Amino acid sequence: MLRIKLIGGFEITHDGERISGLTGARVQALLAYLVLHRGAPHSREYLAYTFWPDSSESQARTNLRRELHQLRRILAHTGDFLRGADAQSIQWNPDLPFSLDVADFEEALAQADRSDNSLARREHLQRAVTLYQGDLLARALR
């Protein structure tokens, strides 16, 4: 199981073992963007411009290809989590099993909102508090 932690820092584990190699802030931010917006494919042009706004179009696309190659290489043994719908777009594969602390946090809050029982609401809120370990990617983007 792939587990992605974005709250309070950046960490990826697969079957309990930490995956190393994703140390650059851009590659971490790119992975975070793709997983947080996993519901739809994203234009490579948009991603290149978003992550390298001060670069030429050609250089921004080269940078994006490099970071995507690094992600694919490092995550290769975990499953095909990155899928290119075509040469123009890329998407995090939401069909493969993984866990994301942000989604777990949001679900704990939603369960608390839906709960009519004060004890259950408190347990869900406690789970959310436990999951919240700082701002989104706090240490990764310093």
C-alpha atoms as a PDB file:
ATOM      1  CA  MET A   1       0.000   0.000   0.000  1.00  0.00           C
ATOM      2  CA  LEU A   2       1.297   3.440  -0.949  1.00  0.00           C
ATOM      3  CA  ARG A   3       0.877   6.039   1.803  1.00  0.00           C
ATOM      4  CA  ILE A   4       1.380   9.737   1.080  1.00  0.00           C
ATOM      5  CA  LYS A   5       1.842  12.288   3.851  1.00  0.00           C
ATOM      6  CA  LEU A   6       1.556  15.961   2.946  1.00  0.00           C
ATOM      7  CA  ILE A   7       0.379  17.527   6.216  1.00  0.00           C
ATOM      8  CA  GLY A   8       3.311  18.948   8.157  1.00  0.00           C
ATOM      9  CA  GLY A   9       5.838  17.783   5.617  1.00  0.00           C
ATOM     10  CA  PHE A  10       6.322  15.299   2.814  1.00  0.00           C
ATOM     11  CA  GLU A  11       6.759  11.563   3.148  1.00  0.00           C
ATOM     12  CA  ILE A  12       5.878   8.571   1.004  1.00  0.00           C
ATOM     13  CA  THR A  13       5.963   5.001   2.203  1.00  0.00           C
ATOM     14  CA  HIS A  14       5.238   1.748   0.402  1.00  0.00           C
ATOM     15  CA  ASP A  15       4.352  -1.267   2.534  1.00  0.00           C
ATOM     16  CA  GLY A  16       5.743   0.580   5.557  1.00  0.00           C
ATOM     17  CA  GLU A  17       9.116   1.440   4.008  1.00  0.00           C
ATOM     18  CA  ARG A  18      10.029   5.027   3.293  1.00  0.00           C
ATOM     19  CA  ILE A  19      10.551   5.872  -0.373  1.00  0.00           C
ATOM     20  CA  SER A  20      13.563   8.095  -0.834  1.00  0.00           C
ATOM     21  CA  GLY A  21      14.702  10.100  -3.811  1.00  0.00           C
ATOM     22  CA  LEU A  22      11.891  12.644  -3.980  1.00  0.00           C
ATOM     23  CA  THR A  23      13.864  15.329  -2.207  1.00  0.00           C
ATOM     24  CA  GLY A  24      13.417  18.340  -4.465  1.00  0.00           C
ATOM     25  CA  ALA A  25      10.706  20.843  -3.580  1.00  0.00           C
ATOM     26  CA  ARG A  26       9.414  20.980  -7.176  1.00  0.00           C
ATOM     27  CA  VAL A  27       9.025  17.217  -7.564  1.00  0.00           C
ATOM     28  CA  GLN A  28       7.286  17.046  -4.185  1.00  0.00           C
ATOM     29  CA  ALA A  29       4.981  19.931  -5.078  1.00  0.00           C
ATOM     30  CA  LEU A  30       4.204  18.355  -8.459  1.00  0.00           C
ATOM     31  CA  LEU A  31       3.335  15.019  -6.872  1.00  0.00           C
ATOM     32  CA  ALA A  32       1.229  16.801  -4.251  1.00  0.00           C
ATOM     33  CA  TYR A  33      -0.627  18.754  -6.942  1.00  0.00           C
ATOM     34  CA  LEU A  34      -1.361  15.621  -8.959  1.00  0.00           C
ATOM     35  CA  VAL A  35      -2.563  13.608  -5.968  1.00  0.00           C
ATOM     36  CA  LEU A  36      -4.639  16.457  -4.504  1.00  0.00           C
ATOM     37  CA  HIS A  37      -6.279  17.004  -7.917  1.00  0.00           C
ATOM     38  CA  ARG A  38      -6.457  13.319  -8.840  1.00  0.00           C
ATOM     39  CA  GLY A  39     -10.009  13.470 -10.189  1.00  0.00           C
ATOM     40  CA  ALA A  40      -9.087  14.760 -13.644  1.00  0.00           C
ATOM     41  CA  PRO A  41      -6.232  14.843 -16.145  1.00  0.00           C
ATOM     42  CA  HIS A  42      -4.094  17.979 -16.226  1.00  0.00           C
ATOM     43  CA  SER A  43      -2.660  19.667 -19.256  1.00  0.00           C
ATOM     44  CA  ARG A  44       1.105  19.312 -19.411  1.00  0.00           C
ATOM     45  CA  GLU A  45       1.235  22.881 -20.722  1.00  0.00           C
ATOM     46  CA  TYR A  46      -0.663  24.140 -17.655  1.00  0.00           C
ATOM     47  CA  LEU A  47       1.552  22.178 -15.261  1.00  0.00           C
ATOM     48  CA  ALA A  48       4.720  23.405 -16.953  1.00  0.00           C
ATOM     49  CA  TYR A  49       3.573  27.022 -16.762  1.00  0.00           C
ATOM     50  CA  THR A  50       2.344  26.650 -13.160  1.00  0.00           C
ATOM     51  CA  PHE A  51       5.557  25.146 -11.811  1.00  0.00           C
ATOM     52  CA  TRP A  52       8.053  27.079 -13.973  1.00  0.00           C
ATOM     53  CA  PRO A  53       6.365  30.418 -14.716  1.00  0.00           C
ATOM     54  CA  ASP A  54       9.638  32.275 -15.290  1.00  0.00           C
ATOM     55  CA  SER A  55      11.004  29.753 -17.791  1.00  0.00           C
ATOM     56  CA  SER A  56      10.502  29.692 -21.526  1.00  0.00           C
ATOM     57  CA  GLU A  57       7.775  27.323 -22.702  1.00  0.00           C
ATOM     58  CA  SER A  58      10.367  24.911 -24.039  1.00  0.00           C
ATOM     59  CA  GLN A  59      12.396  24.935 -20.819  1.00  0.00           C
ATOM     60  CA  ALA A  60       9.276  24.594 -18.645  1.00  0.00           C
ATOM     61  CA  ARG A  61       8.162  21.522 -20.634  1.00  0.00           C
ATOM     62  CA  THR A  62      11.662  20.043 -20.333  1.00  0.00           C
ATOM     63  CA  ASN A  63      11.587  20.618 -16.578  1.00  0.00           C
ATOM     64  CA  LEU A  64       8.172  18.953 -16.337  1.00  0.00           C
ATOM     65  CA  ARG A  65       9.342  15.928 -18.337  1.00  0.00           C
ATOM     66  CA  ARG A  66      12.377  15.604 -16.049  1.00  0.00           C
ATOM     67  CA  GLU A  67      10.271  15.719 -12.868  1.00  0.00           C
ATOM     68  CA  LEU A  68       7.669  13.301 -14.264  1.00  0.00           C
ATOM     69  CA  HIS A  69      10.459  10.920 -15.277  1.00  0.00           C
ATOM     70  CA  GLN A  70      11.855  11.084 -11.744  1.00  0.00           C
ATOM     71  CA  LEU A  71       8.408  10.389 -10.247  1.00  0.00           C
ATOM     72  CA  ARG A  72       7.823   7.422 -12.547  1.00  0.00           C
ATOM     73  CA  ARG A  73      11.282   6.005 -11.869  1.00  0.00           C
ATOM     74  CA  ILE A  74      11.014   6.264  -8.093  1.00  0.00           C
ATOM     75  CA  LEU A  75       7.411   5.038  -7.908  1.00  0.00           C
ATOM     76  CA  ALA A  76       7.864   2.286 -10.530  1.00  0.00           C
ATOM     77  CA  HIS A  77       7.791  -0.576  -8.031  1.00  0.00           C
ATOM     78  CA  THR A  78       4.612   0.706  -6.329  1.00  0.00           C
ATOM     79  CA  GLY A  79       2.280   0.632  -9.347  1.00  0.00           C
ATOM     80  CA  ASP A  80       1.458   2.831 -12.318  1.00  0.00           C
ATOM     81  CA  PHE A  81       0.283   5.846 -10.332  1.00  0.00           C
ATOM     82  CA  LEU A  82       1.011   8.343 -13.105  1.00  0.00           C
ATOM     83  CA  ARG A  83      -0.900   7.949 -16.298  1.00  0.00           C
ATOM     84  CA  GLY A  84      -0.697  10.102 -19.353  1.00  0.00           C
ATOM     85  CA  ALA A  85      -4.077  10.225 -21.018  1.00  0.00           C
ATOM     86  CA  ASP A  86      -2.176  11.394 -24.071  1.00  0.00           C
ATOM     87  CA  ALA A  87       0.950  13.357 -24.889  1.00  0.00           C
ATOM     88  CA  GLN A  88      -0.816  16.503 -23.733  1.00  0.00           C
ATOM     89  CA  SER A  89      -2.013  15.519 -20.247  1.00  0.00           C
ATOM     90  CA  ILE A  90      -1.069  13.649 -17.083  1.00  0.00           C
ATOM     91  CA  GLN A  91      -3.133  12.364 -14.174  1.00  0.00           C
ATOM     92  CA  TRP A  92      -2.629  10.624 -10.869  1.00  0.00           C
ATOM     93  CA  ASN A  93      -4.281   7.225 -11.213  1.00  0.00           C
ATOM     94  CA  PRO A  94      -7.136   7.291  -8.683  1.00  0.00           C
ATOM     95  CA  ASP A  95      -7.987   3.634  -9.424  1.00  0.00           C
ATOM     96  CA  LEU A  96      -4.908   2.234  -7.698  1.00  0.00           C
ATOM     97  CA  PRO A  97      -5.086   1.876  -3.911  1.00  0.00           C
ATOM     98  CA  PHE A  98      -3.227   4.459  -1.866  1.00  0.00           C
ATOM     99  CA  SER A  99      -3.836   6.500   1.247  1.00  0.00           C
ATOM    100  CA  LEU A 100      -3.443  10.232   1.604  1.00  0.00           C
ATOM    101  CA  ASP A 101      -3.341  11.988   4.961  1.00  0.00           C
ATOM    102  CA  VAL A 102      -5.152  15.026   3.534  1.00  0.00           C
ATOM    103  CA  ALA A 103      -8.071  12.838   2.416  1.00  0.00           C
ATOM    104  CA  ASP A 104      -8.090  11.071   5.802  1.00  0.00           C
ATOM    105  CA  PHE A 105      -8.143  14.454   7.572  1.00  0.00           C
ATOM    106  CA  GLU A 106     -10.991  15.744   5.391  1.00  0.00           C
ATOM    107  CA  GLU A 107     -12.948  12.514   5.920  1.00  0.00           C
ATOM    108  CA  ALA A 108     -12.548  12.741   9.713  1.00  0.00           C
ATOM    109  CA  LEU A 109     -13.945  16.291   9.637  1.00  0.00           C
ATOM    110  CA  ALA A 110     -16.817  15.258   7.358  1.00  0.00           C
ATOM    111  CA  GLN A 111     -17.688  12.353   9.658  1.00  0.00           C
ATOM    112  CA  ALA A 112     -17.690  14.713  12.623  1.00  0.00           C
ATOM    113  CA  ASP A 113     -20.052  17.068  10.752  1.00  0.00           C
ATOM    114  CA  ARG A 114     -22.411  14.194   9.894  1.00  0.00           C
ATOM    115  CA  SER A 115     -22.414  12.707  13.386  1.00  0.00           C
ATOM    116  CA  ASP A 116     -25.429  13.237  15.640  1.00  0.00           C
ATOM    117  CA  ASN A 117     -23.699  11.560  18.560  1.00  0.00           C
ATOM    118  CA  SER A 118     -21.431  13.868  20.565  1.00  0.00           C
ATOM    119  CA  LEU A 119     -19.080  11.033  21.559  1.00  0.00           C
ATOM    120  CA  ALA A 120     -18.665   9.924  17.938  1.00  0.00           C
ATOM    121  CA  ARG A 121     -18.215  13.553  16.824  1.00  0.00           C
ATOM    122  CA  ARG A 122     -15.499  13.972  19.437  1.00  0.00           C
ATOM    123  CA  GLU A 123     -13.708  10.803  18.271  1.00  0.00           C
ATOM    124  CA  HIS A 124     -13.760  11.983  14.649  1.00  0.00           C
ATOM    125  CA  LEU A 125     -12.450  15.408  15.642  1.00  0.00           C
ATOM    126  CA  GLN A 126      -9.717  13.768  17.735  1.00  0.00           C
ATOM    127  CA  ARG A 127      -8.710  11.733  14.670  1.00  0.00           C
ATOM    128  CA  ALA A 128      -8.508  14.974  12.639  1.00  0.00           C
ATOM    129  CA  VAL A 129      -6.374  16.606  15.340  1.00  0.00           C
ATOM    130  CA  THR A 130      -4.049  13.583  15.360  1.00  0.00           C
ATOM    131  CA  LEU A 131      -3.671  13.742  11.573  1.00  0.00           C
ATOM    132  CA  TYR A 132      -2.981  17.473  11.531  1.00  0.00           C
ATOM    133  CA  GLN A 133       0.758  17.808  12.089  1.00  0.00           C
ATOM    134  CA  GLY A 134       1.296  21.223  10.542  1.00  0.00           C
ATOM    135  CA  ASP A 135       0.577  23.089   7.351  1.00  0.00           C
ATOM    136  CA  LEU A 136       0.327  21.384   3.981  1.00  0.00           C
ATOM    137  CA  LEU A 137       3.884  20.548   2.831  1.00  0.00           C
ATOM    138  CA  ALA A 138       5.224  22.824   5.560  1.00  0.00           C
ATOM    139  CA  ARG A 139       8.776  21.484   5.709  1.00  0.00           C
ATOM    140  CA  ALA A 140       9.020  20.450   2.063  1.00  0.00           C
ATOM    141  CA  LEU A 141       8.681  23.933   0.582  1.00  0.00           C
ATOM    142  CA  ARG A 142      11.052  25.857   2.849  1.00  0.00           C
END
